[in-house]
C-alpha atoms as a PDB file:
ATOM      1  CA  MET A   1       5.838  21.497 177.223  1.00  0.00           C
ATOM      2  CA  ILE A   2       3.800  22.251 174.106  1.00  0.00           C
ATOM      3  CA  ALA A   3       5.902  25.351 173.419  1.00  0.00           C
ATOM      4  CA  ILE A   4       9.080  23.245 173.718  1.00  0.00           C
ATOM      5  CA  ALA A   5       7.639  20.726 171.260  1.00  0.00           C
ATOM      6  CA  ILE A   6       6.856  23.563 168.839  1.00  0.00           C
ATOM      7  CA  GLY A   7      10.437  24.800 169.162  1.00  0.00           C
ATOM      8  CA  VAL A   8      11.890  21.337 168.511  1.00  0.00           C
ATOM      9  CA  ALA A   9       9.536  20.798 165.562  1.00  0.00           C
ATOM     10  CA  SER A  10      10.612  24.143 164.098  1.00  0.00           C
ATOM     11  CA  ALA A  11      14.276  23.163 164.495  1.00  0.00           C
ATOM     12  CA  ILE A  12      13.573  19.911 162.628  1.00  0.00           C
ATOM     13  CA  ILE A  13      11.903  21.924 159.863  1.00  0.00           C
ATOM     14  CA  SER A  14      14.921  24.212 159.766  1.00  0.00           C
ATOM     15  CA  PHE A  15      17.238  21.195 159.481  1.00  0.00           C
ATOM     16  CA  ALA A  16      15.148  19.494 156.800  1.00  0.00           C
ATOM     17  CA  GLY A  17      14.767  22.683 154.779  1.00  0.00           C
ATOM     18  CA  SER A  18      18.504  23.281 154.886  1.00  0.00           C
ATOM     19  CA  VAL A  19      19.279  19.728 153.719  1.00  0.00           C
ATOM     20  CA  VAL A  20      16.724  19.706 150.895  1.00  0.00           C
ATOM     21  CA  MET A  21      17.525  23.175 149.533  1.00  0.00           C
ATOM     22  CA  ILE A  22      21.309  22.802 149.684  1.00  0.00           C
ATOM     23  CA  ARG A  23      21.163  19.399 148.002  1.00  0.00           C
ATOM     24  CA  ALA A  24      19.148  20.946 145.185  1.00  0.00           C
ATOM     25  CA  TRP A  25      21.392  24.022 145.032  1.00  0.00           C
ATOM     26  CA  ILE A  26      24.751  22.282 144.544  1.00  0.00           C
ATOM     27  CA  PRO A  27      24.196  21.093 140.929  1.00  0.00           C
ATOM     28  CA  VAL A  28      22.534  24.410 140.032  1.00  0.00           C
ATOM     29  CA  ALA A  29      25.486  26.402 141.376  1.00  0.00           C
ATOM     30  CA  LYS A  30      27.955  24.260 139.438  1.00  0.00           C
ATOM     31  CA  ARG A  31      25.925  24.516 136.253  1.00  0.00           C
ATOM     32  CA  GLU A  32      25.759  28.310 136.525  1.00  0.00           C
ATOM     33  CA  GLY A  33      29.432  28.675 137.401  1.00  0.00           C
ATOM     34  CA  MET A  34      28.853  29.818 141.002  1.00  0.00           C
ATOM     35  CA  VAL A  35      31.816  27.883 142.313  1.00  0.00           C
ATOM     36  CA  GLY A  36      34.976  28.594 144.261  1.00  0.00           C
ATOM     37  CA  LYS A  37      38.297  26.776 144.576  1.00  0.00           C
ATOM     38  CA  ASP A  38      38.894  24.624 147.635  1.00  0.00           C
ATOM     39  CA  MET A  39      42.096  26.418 148.560  1.00  0.00           C
ATOM     40  CA  ASN A  40      43.427  24.100 151.300  1.00  0.00           C
ATOM     41  CA  LYS A  41      43.777  21.117 148.972  1.00  0.00           C
ATOM     42  CA  VAL A  42      46.358  20.375 146.309  1.00  0.00           C
ATOM     43  CA  GLU A  43      43.691  19.676 143.695  1.00  0.00           C
ATOM     44  CA  LYS A  44      41.925  23.056 144.261  1.00  0.00           C
ATOM     45  CA  ASN A  45      38.600  21.425 143.341  1.00  0.00           C
ATOM     46  CA  GLU A  46      35.700  23.677 142.409  1.00  0.00           C
ATOM     47  CA  VAL A  47      32.976  23.694 145.071  1.00  0.00           C
ATOM     48  CA  ALA A  48      29.483  25.194 144.935  1.00  0.00           C
ATOM     49  CA  GLU A  49      29.327  28.658 146.502  1.00  0.00           C
ATOM     50  CA  VAL A  50      26.678  30.540 148.519  1.00  0.00           C
ATOM     51  CA  GLY A  51      25.246  27.406 150.130  1.00  0.00           C
ATOM     52  CA  GLY A  52      24.834  29.242 153.413  1.00  0.00           C
ATOM     53  CA  PHE A  53      22.055  31.296 151.830  1.00  0.00           C
ATOM     54  CA  TRP A  54      19.760  28.282 151.999  1.00  0.00           C
ATOM     55  CA  ALA A  55      20.601  27.561 155.633  1.00  0.00           C
ATOM     56  CA  ILE A  56      19.582  31.122 156.480  1.00  0.00           C
ATOM     57  CA  ILE A  57      16.415  30.886 154.365  1.00  0.00           C
ATOM     58  CA  SER A  58      15.417  27.628 156.074  1.00  0.00           C
ATOM     59  CA  SER A  59      15.922  29.191 159.516  1.00  0.00           C
ATOM     60  CA  ILE A  60      13.781  32.203 158.538  1.00  0.00           C
ATOM     61  CA  PHE A  61      11.028  29.876 157.343  1.00  0.00           C
ATOM     62  CA  ALA A  62      11.280  27.881 160.584  1.00  0.00           C
ATOM     63  CA  PHE A  63      10.906  31.063 162.657  1.00  0.00           C
ATOM     64  CA  LEU A  64       7.707  31.903 160.791  1.00  0.00           C
ATOM     65  CA  VAL A  65       6.443  28.345 161.196  1.00  0.00           C
ATOM     66  CA  PHE A  66       7.183  28.534 164.923  1.00  0.00           C
ATOM     67  CA  GLU A  67       5.141  31.724 165.248  1.00  0.00           C
ATOM     68  CA  ALA A  68       2.305  30.307 163.134  1.00  0.00           C
ATOM     69  CA  ILE A  69       2.003  27.044 165.078  1.00  0.00           C
ATOM     70  CA  TYR A  70       2.197  28.874 168.386  1.00  0.00           C
ATOM     71  CA  ALA A  71      -0.561  31.276 167.327  1.00  0.00           C
ATOM     72  CA  PHE A  72      -2.876  28.478 166.213  1.00  0.00           C
ATOM     73  CA  VAL A  73      -2.239  26.355 169.317  1.00  0.00           C
ATOM     74  CA  TYR A  74      -2.407  29.098 171.955  1.00  0.00           C
ATOM     75  CA  GLY A  75      -4.596  31.631 170.174  1.00  0.00           C
ATOM     76  CA  ARG A  76      -1.991  34.362 170.661  1.00  0.00           C
ATOM     77  CA  PHE A  77       1.427  35.377 169.358  1.00  0.00           C
ATOM     78  CA  TYR A  78       4.712  34.341 170.915  1.00  0.00           C
ATOM     79  CA  ASP A  79       6.934  37.399 171.415  1.00  0.00           C
ATOM     80  CA  ILE A  80       6.035  38.530 167.915  1.00  0.00           C
ATOM     81  CA  LEU A  81       8.261  41.610 168.072  1.00  0.00           C
ATOM     82  CA  GLU A  82      11.327  39.528 168.907  1.00  0.00           C
ATOM     83  CA  VAL A  83      10.542  36.918 166.245  1.00  0.00           C
ATOM     84  CA  TYR A  84       9.979  39.443 163.501  1.00  0.00           C
ATOM     85  CA  SER A  85      12.919  41.638 164.476  1.00  0.00           C
ATOM     86  CA  ILE A  86      15.344  38.703 164.306  1.00  0.00           C
ATOM     87  CA  THR A  87      13.725  37.479 161.074  1.00  0.00           C
ATOM     88  CA  ILE A  88      14.014  40.877 159.394  1.00  0.00           C
ATOM     89  CA  LEU A  89      17.614  41.149 160.569  1.00  0.00           C
ATOM     90  CA  LEU A  90      18.388  37.759 159.000  1.00  0.00           C
ATOM     91  CA  ILE A  91      16.715  38.721 155.731  1.00  0.00           C
ATOM     92  CA  LEU A  92      18.493  42.047 155.372  1.00  0.00           C
ATOM     93  CA  SER A  93      21.944  40.824 156.417  1.00  0.00           C
ATOM     94  CA  SER A  94      21.737  37.752 154.149  1.00  0.00           C
ATOM     95  CA  ILE A  95      20.810  39.963 151.182  1.00  0.00           C
ATOM     96  CA  LEU A  96      23.909  42.064 151.848  1.00  0.00           C
ATOM     97  CA  GLY A  97      26.068  38.948 152.057  1.00  0.00           C
ATOM     98  CA  PHE A  98      24.490  37.504 148.917  1.00  0.00           C
ATOM     99  CA  LEU A  99      25.297  40.664 146.955  1.00  0.00           C
ATOM    100  CA  ASP A 100      28.885  40.443 148.186  1.00  0.00           C
ATOM    101  CA  ASP A 101      29.046  36.781 147.120  1.00  0.00           C
ATOM    102  CA  ILE A 102      27.698  37.183 143.598  1.00  0.00           C
ATOM    103  CA  LEU A 103      30.152  40.002 142.904  1.00  0.00           C
ATOM    104  CA  GLY A 104      32.936  37.523 143.566  1.00  0.00           C
ATOM    105  CA  TRP A 105      35.863  36.917 145.914  1.00  0.00           C
ATOM    106  CA  LYS A 106      37.977  40.038 146.383  1.00  0.00           C
ATOM    107  CA  ARG A 107      35.602  41.924 144.064  1.00  0.00           C
ATOM    108  CA  GLY A 108      32.687  42.182 146.477  1.00  0.00           C
ATOM    109  CA  LEU A 109      31.038  45.225 147.944  1.00  0.00           C
ATOM    110  CA  PRO A 110      33.427  47.965 149.105  1.00  0.00           C
ATOM    111  CA  ALA A 111      33.991  47.971 152.864  1.00  0.00           C
ATOM    112  CA  TYR A 112      32.349  51.364 153.331  1.00  0.00           C
ATOM    113  CA  ILE A 113      29.149  50.136 151.642  1.00  0.00           C
ATOM    114  CA  ARG A 114      29.034  47.083 153.908  1.00  0.00           C
ATOM    115  CA  ILE A 115      29.430  49.332 156.939  1.00  0.00           C
ATOM    116  CA  LEU A 116      26.832  51.837 155.800  1.00  0.00           C
ATOM    117  CA  ALA A 117      24.371  49.098 154.857  1.00  0.00           C
ATOM    118  CA  MET A 118      24.797  46.949 157.958  1.00  0.00           C
ATOM    119  CA  ALA A 119      24.085  49.709 160.479  1.00  0.00           C
ATOM    120  CA  PRO A 120      20.505  50.411 159.252  1.00  0.00           C
ATOM    121  CA  MET A 121      19.865  46.670 159.280  1.00  0.00           C
ATOM    122  CA  ALA A 122      19.983  46.896 163.061  1.00  0.00           C
ATOM    123  CA  LEU A 123      16.847  49.087 163.012  1.00  0.00           C
ATOM    124  CA  PRO A 124      14.511  46.222 164.044  1.00  0.00           C
ATOM    125  CA  LEU A 125      16.636  45.652 167.156  1.00  0.00           C
ATOM    126  CA  MET A 126      16.964  49.377 167.819  1.00  0.00           C
ATOM    127  CA  ILE A 127      13.191  49.764 167.672  1.00  0.00           C
ATOM    128  CA  ILE A 128      12.394  46.838 169.929  1.00  0.00           C
ATOM    129  CA  ARG A 129      15.065  47.899 172.449  1.00  0.00           C
ATOM    130  CA  HIS A 130      14.276  51.625 172.237  1.00  0.00           C
ATOM    131  CA  ASN A 131      13.886  51.916 176.004  1.00  0.00           C
ATOM    132  CA  ALA A 132      16.905  49.779 176.951  1.00  0.00           C
ATOM    133  CA  TYR A 133      19.654  51.935 178.391  1.00  0.00           C
ATOM    134  CA  ILE A 134      21.725  49.510 180.491  1.00  0.00           C
ATOM    135  CA  LEU A 135      24.712  47.751 178.937  1.00  0.00           C
ATOM    136  CA  SER A 136      26.300  44.918 180.899  1.00  0.00           C
ATOM    137  CA  LEU A 137      30.013  44.477 180.183  1.00  0.00           C
ATOM    138  CA  PRO A 138      32.646  42.001 181.373  1.00  0.00           C
ATOM    139  CA  PHE A 139      34.830  43.518 184.144  1.00  0.00           C
ATOM    140  CA  PHE A 140      32.866  46.806 184.121  1.00  0.00           C
ATOM    141  CA  GLY A 141      29.416  45.549 185.114  1.00  0.00           C
ATOM    142  CA  LYS A 142      26.292  47.524 184.252  1.00  0.00           C
ATOM    143  CA  ILE A 143      26.623  50.919 182.592  1.00  0.00           C
ATOM    144  CA  ASP A 144      23.719  53.294 181.971  1.00  0.00           C
ATOM    145  CA  LEU A 145      24.289  54.691 178.474  1.00  0.00           C
ATOM    146  CA  GLY A 146      20.882  56.264 177.985  1.00  0.00           C
ATOM    147  CA  LEU A 147      19.870  56.613 174.335  1.00  0.00           C
ATOM    148  CA  LEU A 148      23.414  55.795 173.244  1.00  0.00           C
ATOM    149  CA  TYR A 149      22.627  52.120 173.833  1.00  0.00           C
ATOM    150  CA  PRO A 150      19.762  51.693 171.320  1.00  0.00           C
ATOM    151  CA  LEU A 151      20.990  54.353 168.892  1.00  0.00           C
ATOM    152  CA  VAL A 152      24.736  53.650 168.818  1.00  0.00           C
ATOM    153  CA  VAL A 153      25.732  50.498 170.694  1.00  0.00           C
ATOM    154  CA  ILE A 154      23.188  48.196 169.031  1.00  0.00           C
ATOM    155  CA  PRO A 155      24.068  49.067 165.403  1.00  0.00           C
ATOM    156  CA  VAL A 156      27.787  49.008 166.216  1.00  0.00           C
ATOM    157  CA  GLY A 157      27.330  45.622 167.904  1.00  0.00           C
ATOM    158  CA  VAL A 158      25.487  44.169 164.905  1.00  0.00           C
ATOM    159  CA  LEU A 159      28.076  45.569 162.508  1.00  0.00           C
ATOM    160  CA  GLY A 160      30.974  44.330 164.642  1.00  0.00           C
ATOM    161  CA  ALA A 161      29.626  40.812 165.165  1.00  0.00           C
ATOM    162  CA  SER A 162      28.671  40.438 161.511  1.00  0.00           C
ATOM    163  CA  ASN A 163      32.126  41.375 160.259  1.00  0.00           C
ATOM    164  CA  ALA A 164      34.039  39.641 163.055  1.00  0.00           C
ATOM    165  CA  PHE A 165      32.361  36.277 162.475  1.00  0.00           C
ATOM    166  CA  ASN A 166      33.555  36.477 158.872  1.00  0.00           C
ATOM    167  CA  MET A 167      37.200  36.667 159.991  1.00  0.00           C
ATOM    168  CA  ILE A 168      37.717  33.071 161.196  1.00  0.00           C
ATOM    169  CA  ALA A 169      36.935  31.335 157.935  1.00  0.00           C
ATOM    170  CA  GLY A 170      38.276  29.596 154.853  1.00  0.00           C
ATOM    171  CA  TYR A 171      38.380  25.922 155.929  1.00  0.00           C
ATOM    172  CA  ASN A 172      35.825  23.196 155.283  1.00  0.00           C
ATOM    173  CA  GLY A 173      33.220  23.321 158.055  1.00  0.00           C
ATOM    174  CA  LEU A 174      34.958  26.077 160.015  1.00  0.00           C
ATOM    175  CA  GLU A 175      32.427  28.913 159.864  1.00  0.00           C
ATOM    176  CA  ALA A 176      29.437  26.639 160.428  1.00  0.00           C
ATOM    177  CA  GLY A 177      31.292  24.633 163.084  1.00  0.00           C
ATOM    178  CA  MET A 178      32.207  27.741 165.048  1.00  0.00           C
ATOM    179  CA  GLY A 179      28.641  29.005 164.724  1.00  0.00           C
ATOM    180  CA  LEU A 180      27.318  25.683 165.985  1.00  0.00           C
ATOM    181  CA  VAL A 181      29.544  25.775 169.075  1.00  0.00           C
ATOM    182  CA  LEU A 182      28.602  29.400 169.807  1.00  0.00           C
ATOM    183  CA  LEU A 183      24.914  28.510 169.640  1.00  0.00           C
ATOM    184  CA  ILE A 184      25.208  25.355 171.747  1.00  0.00           C
ATOM    185  CA  PHE A 185      26.682  27.363 174.619  1.00  0.00           C
ATOM    186  CA  THR A 186      24.225  30.218 174.054  1.00  0.00           C
ATOM    187  CA  LEU A 187      21.424  27.658 174.241  1.00  0.00           C
ATOM    188  CA  ALA A 188      22.826  26.180 177.460  1.00  0.00           C
ATOM    189  CA  PHE A 189      23.103  29.635 179.024  1.00  0.00           C
ATOM    190  CA  SER A 190      19.607  30.607 177.867  1.00  0.00           C
ATOM    191  CA  LEU A 191      18.024  27.457 179.253  1.00  0.00           C
ATOM    192  CA  ALA A 192      19.768  27.926 182.596  1.00  0.00           C
ATOM    193  CA  LYS A 193      18.649  31.567 182.786  1.00  0.00           C
ATOM    194  CA  GLY A 194      15.120  30.924 181.560  1.00  0.00           C
ATOM    195  CA  LEU A 195      15.568  33.028 178.404  1.00  0.00           C
ATOM    196  CA  SER A 196      12.879  31.367 176.326  1.00  0.00           C
ATOM    197  CA  PHE A 197      13.190  33.378 173.114  1.00  0.00           C
ATOM    198  CA  THR A 198      16.951  32.999 172.843  1.00  0.00           C
ATOM    199  CA  SER A 199      16.548  29.281 173.590  1.00  0.00           C
ATOM    200  CA  TYR A 200      14.039  28.755 170.769  1.00  0.00           C
ATOM    201  CA  ALA A 201      15.986  30.984 168.376  1.00  0.00           C
ATOM    202  CA  SER A 202      19.220  29.130 169.121  1.00  0.00           C
ATOM    203  CA  ILE A 203      17.748  25.686 168.564  1.00  0.00           C
ATOM    204  CA  ILE A 204      16.108  26.735 165.292  1.00  0.00           C
ATOM    205  CA  MET A 205      19.388  28.054 163.911  1.00  0.00           C
ATOM    206  CA  ILE A 206      21.233  24.988 165.230  1.00  0.00           C
ATOM    207  CA  GLY A 207      18.936  22.848 163.084  1.00  0.00           C
ATOM    208  CA  ALA A 208      19.772  24.872 159.968  1.00  0.00           C
ATOM    209  CA  ILE A 209      23.522  24.764 160.656  1.00  0.00           C
ATOM    210  CA  ILE A 210      23.594  21.000 161.226  1.00  0.00           C
ATOM    211  CA  GLY A 211      21.778  20.529 157.909  1.00  0.00           C
ATOM    212  CA  PHE A 212      24.323  22.789 156.212  1.00  0.00           C
ATOM    213  CA  LEU A 213      27.288  21.014 157.837  1.00  0.00           C
ATOM    214  CA  LEU A 214      26.271  17.738 156.207  1.00  0.00           C
ATOM    215  CA  TYR A 215      27.441  19.301 152.932  1.00  0.00           C
ATOM    216  CA  ASN A 216      30.052  21.740 154.239  1.00  0.00           C
ATOM    217  CA  LYS A 217      32.088  19.394 156.451  1.00  0.00           C
ATOM    218  CA  TYR A 218      35.376  18.061 155.113  1.00  0.00           C
ATOM    219  CA  PRO A 219      35.541  17.443 152.175  1.00  0.00           C
ATOM    220  CA  ALA A 220      33.104  20.250 151.440  1.00  0.00           C
ATOM    221  CA  LYS A 221      30.503  19.992 148.687  1.00  0.00           C
ATOM    222  CA  VAL A 222      29.355  23.572 149.281  1.00  0.00           C
ATOM    223  CA  PHE A 223      30.779  26.760 150.787  1.00  0.00           C
ATOM    224  CA  PRO A 224      28.857  29.109 153.123  1.00  0.00           C
ATOM    225  CA  GLY A 225      29.764  32.418 151.508  1.00  0.00           C
ATOM    226  CA  ASN A 226      29.421  35.846 153.091  1.00  0.00           C
ATOM    227  CA  THR A 227      25.671  35.296 152.932  1.00  0.00           C
ATOM    228  CA  PHE A 228      26.018  32.925 155.861  1.00  0.00           C
ATOM    229  CA  THR A 229      28.768  34.669 157.804  1.00  0.00           C
ATOM    230  CA  TYR A 230      27.221  38.153 157.692  1.00  0.00           C
ATOM    231  CA  ALA A 231      23.774  36.830 158.570  1.00  0.00           C
ATOM    232  CA  PHE A 232      24.982  34.580 161.375  1.00  0.00           C
ATOM    233  CA  GLY A 233      27.106  37.307 162.944  1.00  0.00           C
ATOM    234  CA  ALA A 234      24.157  39.699 162.900  1.00  0.00           C
ATOM    235  CA  PHE A 235      21.898  36.935 164.248  1.00  0.00           C
ATOM    236  CA  TYR A 236      24.280  36.216 167.120  1.00  0.00           C
ATOM    237  CA  ALA A 237      24.350  39.910 168.040  1.00  0.00           C
ATOM    238  CA  GLY A 238      20.551  39.919 167.913  1.00  0.00           C
ATOM    239  CA  LEU A 239      20.319  36.966 170.300  1.00  0.00           C
ATOM    240  CA  VAL A 240      22.644  38.615 172.787  1.00  0.00           C
ATOM    241  CA  ILE A 241      20.808  41.955 172.607  1.00  0.00           C
ATOM    242  CA  LEU A 242      17.279  40.556 172.790  1.00  0.00           C
ATOM    243  CA  GLY A 243      18.222  38.203 175.608  1.00  0.00           C
ATOM    244  CA  ASP A 244      19.931  40.955 177.657  1.00  0.00           C
ATOM    245  CA  ALA A 245      22.953  38.662 177.713  1.00  0.00           C
ATOM    246  CA  THR A 246      25.631  41.097 176.531  1.00  0.00           C
ATOM    247  CA  LYS A 247      28.157  40.186 179.217  1.00  0.00           C
ATOM    248  CA  PHE A 248      27.937  36.479 178.385  1.00  0.00           C
ATOM    249  CA  GLY A 249      27.775  37.067 174.634  1.00  0.00           C
ATOM    250  CA  LEU A 250      30.759  39.404 174.514  1.00  0.00           C
ATOM    251  CA  THR A 251      32.889  36.991 176.542  1.00  0.00           C
ATOM    252  CA  LEU A 252      31.842  34.015 174.417  1.00  0.00           C
ATOM    253  CA  PHE A 253      33.121  35.926 171.373  1.00  0.00           C
ATOM    254  CA  PHE A 254      36.636  36.043 172.888  1.00  0.00           C
ATOM    255  CA  LEU A 255      38.404  34.211 170.050  1.00  0.00           C
ATOM    256  CA  TYR A 256      37.218  36.791 167.558  1.00  0.00           C
ATOM    257  CA  TYR A 257      38.948  39.559 169.523  1.00  0.00           C
ATOM    258  CA  ILE A 258      42.160  37.539 169.284  1.00  0.00           C
ATOM    259  CA  GLU A 259      41.580  37.189 165.557  1.00  0.00           C
ATOM    260  CA  LEU A 260      41.179  40.956 165.252  1.00  0.00           C
ATOM    261  CA  ILE A 261      44.431  41.548 167.151  1.00  0.00           C
ATOM    262  CA  LEU A 262      46.277  39.131 164.854  1.00  0.00           C
ATOM    263  CA  PHE A 263      44.722  40.795 161.803  1.00  0.00           C
ATOM    264  CA  LEU A 264      45.860  44.236 162.978  1.00  0.00           C
ATOM    265  CA  ARG A 265      49.303  42.794 163.629  1.00  0.00           C
ATOM    266  CA  GLY A 266      49.391  41.806 159.974  1.00  0.00           C
ATOM    267  CA  ILE A 267      48.351  45.289 158.889  1.00  0.00           C
ATOM    268  CA  LEU A 268      51.187  46.746 160.955  1.00  0.00           C
ATOM    269  CA  HIS A 269      53.569  44.342 159.224  1.00  0.00           C
ATOM    270  CA  GLY A 270      52.252  45.319 155.805  1.00  0.00           C
ATOM    271  CA  VAL A 271      50.338  42.042 155.352  1.00  0.00           C
ATOM    272  CA  TYR A 272      46.630  41.902 154.525  1.00  0.00           C
ATOM    273  CA  LYS A 273      46.390  38.293 155.562  1.00  0.00           C
ATOM    274  CA  GLU A 274      44.615  35.343 154.020  1.00  0.00           C
ATOM    275  CA  ASN A 275      43.502  32.533 156.306  1.00  0.00           C
ATOM    276  CA  PHE A 276      44.350  29.839 153.771  1.00  0.00           C
ATOM    277  CA  ALA A 277      47.393  27.670 154.382  1.00  0.00           C
ATOM    278  CA  SER A 278      50.260  26.645 152.149  1.00  0.00           C
ATOM    279  CA  VAL A 279      49.400  23.125 150.995  1.00  0.00           C
ATOM    280  CA  SER A 280      51.968  20.336 150.615  1.00  0.00           C
ATOM    281  CA  SER A 281      51.700  17.531 148.044  1.00  0.00           C
ATOM    282  CA  ASP A 282      50.132  15.188 150.636  1.00  0.00           C
ATOM    283  CA  ASN A 283      47.496  17.803 151.574  1.00  0.00           C
ATOM    284  CA  THR A 284      49.173  18.639 154.870  1.00  0.00           C
ATOM    285  CA  LEU A 285      49.201  22.313 155.766  1.00  0.00           C
ATOM    286  CA  GLU A 286      51.975  24.791 156.430  1.00  0.00           C
ATOM    287  CA  PRO A 287      51.571  28.329 157.820  1.00  0.00           C
ATOM    288  CA  PRO A 288      51.352  30.788 154.893  1.00  0.00           C
ATOM    289  CA  TYR A 289      53.502  33.399 156.663  1.00  0.00           C
ATOM    290  CA  SER A 290      56.498  33.331 158.968  1.00  0.00           C
ATOM    291  CA  LYS A 291      54.374  35.019 161.641  1.00  0.00           C
ATOM    292  CA  SER A 292      50.792  34.249 162.674  1.00  0.00           C
ATOM    293  CA  TYR A 293      48.212  36.744 161.472  1.00  0.00           C
ATOM    294  CA  SER A 294      45.164  34.563 162.128  1.00  0.00           C
ATOM    295  CA  LEU A 295      44.083  31.910 164.582  1.00  0.00           C
ATOM    296  CA  THR A 296      44.134  29.503 161.640  1.00  0.00           C
ATOM    297  CA  HIS A 297      47.859  30.149 161.163  1.00  0.00           C
ATOM    298  CA  LEU A 298      48.508  29.757 164.892  1.00  0.00           C
ATOM    299  CA  SER A 299      46.457  26.551 164.976  1.00  0.00           C
ATOM    300  CA  ILE A 300      48.549  24.996 162.193  1.00  0.00           C
ATOM    301  CA  LYS A 301      51.748  25.721 164.146  1.00  0.00           C
ATOM    302  CA  ILE A 302      50.352  24.275 167.400  1.00  0.00           C
ATOM    303  CA  ILE A 303      48.974  21.154 165.709  1.00  0.00           C
ATOM    304  CA  LYS A 304      52.297  20.539 163.951  1.00  0.00           C
ATOM    305  CA  LYS A 305      54.132  20.711 167.274  1.00  0.00           C
ATOM    306  CA  VAL A 306      51.711  18.212 168.830  1.00  0.00           C
ATOM    307  CA  LYS A 307      51.044  15.814 165.937  1.00  0.00           C
ATOM    308  CA  GLY A 308      53.984  16.465 163.621  1.00  0.00           C
ATOM    309  CA  ARG A 309      51.707  17.524 160.782  1.00  0.00           C
ATOM    310  CA  ALA A 310      48.478  19.473 160.344  1.00  0.00           C
ATOM    311  CA  LYS A 311      45.520  18.789 158.084  1.00  0.00           C
ATOM    312  CA  GLU A 312      42.527  20.923 157.279  1.00  0.00           C
ATOM    313  CA  ARG A 313      40.163  18.919 159.451  1.00  0.00           C
ATOM    314  CA  ASP A 314      42.602  19.200 162.382  1.00  0.00           C
ATOM    315  CA  VAL A 315      42.544  23.002 162.190  1.00  0.00           C
ATOM    316  CA  VAL A 316      38.742  23.094 162.209  1.00  0.00           C
ATOM    317  CA  LEU A 317      38.408  20.678 165.123  1.00  0.00           C
ATOM    318  CA  PHE A 318      41.119  22.484 167.093  1.00  0.00           C
ATOM    319  CA  LEU A 319      39.400  25.870 166.726  1.00  0.00           C
ATOM    320  CA  MET A 320      36.033  24.350 167.637  1.00  0.00           C
ATOM    321  CA  LEU A 321      37.719  22.865 170.725  1.00  0.00           C
ATOM    322  CA  LEU A 322      39.116  26.276 171.670  1.00  0.00           C
ATOM    323  CA  GLN A 323      35.659  27.815 171.261  1.00  0.00           C
ATOM    324  CA  SER A 324      34.189  25.050 173.425  1.00  0.00           C
ATOM    325  CA  ILE A 325      36.728  25.800 176.165  1.00  0.00           C
ATOM    326  CA  VAL A 326      35.779  29.487 176.006  1.00  0.00           C
ATOM    327  CA  GLY A 327      32.121  28.444 176.204  1.00  0.00           C
ATOM    328  CA  LEU A 328      32.681  26.283 179.274  1.00  0.00           C
ATOM    329  CA  VAL A 329      34.548  29.102 181.007  1.00  0.00           C
ATOM    330  CA  CYS A 330      31.659  31.470 180.214  1.00  0.00           C
ATOM    331  CA  LEU A 331      29.114  29.074 181.716  1.00  0.00           C
ATOM    332  CA  ILE A 332      31.239  28.648 184.840  1.00  0.00           C
ATOM    333  CA  ILE A 333      31.608  32.406 185.275  1.00  0.00           C
ATOM    334  CA  TYR A 334      28.093  33.559 184.484  1.00  0.00           C
ATOM    335  CA  LEU A 335      25.838  30.771 185.752  1.00  0.00           C
END
């Protein structure tokens, strides 16, 4: 019970840190010109960028606080290798995202640099899982990959999750909202399976995301930036790997495979898609292309058929609902 209290206290610290730092960051970002246009609104207001950096920083601090309190209370460390591996992963991946953000939209780091840089960032996970050879996959079950698992699968998984999570984005509260839903179901699965580290890690990050969403929800006062999306994607991969929950984690990520398929469809059609919608004078949304090249485009079309019109908040809530349905199916299948 004491350990649970420490975890909850750390999540509260993560939440509070996120709220305080983002509130302080917004006027600084505007003063220094670190702003981006709110593309799904007629006014195209300028909104503070890179706010997700502070959510990640607050979660890192909360992880260290969790380890410190645990050590002082129990006189020993709590899974120190897991805590420090996930913390280092967050630090390194957020730095990469931050560099991409400060270089500017569409002028960020070249794709090959992101790929080359993200793979070594998985080293903490590769080290801690150096003797893990079994990969559990949906439909295929357990596969013994030998050294290919720590040396190849783990870095590819971190790279894939980090970039994939960045694909469903561009709407107020969408990235953080999707991350929140992913973590809620990961937390539920972890608690049911007795995976203590993934439970504590999930609740700490949930605290940071809720704090961030207070400013990122519609109408957004701050954007997450690639700092948040890269770091969260890598973090999610880390949770799945450290918790030996690859089958559950891969299935929970189902919507991002659909997003990849739609993206590749666009490439085949000669379209390098943007998620943003075409905005009407009353701030209702229209699909930006005749065909759907993202789940955001498909969501707009579905919502219009059901409600007659689609707004930005509708798209976000609809995608969070879809992710929740996927989460429920995962719990039914794997619990």
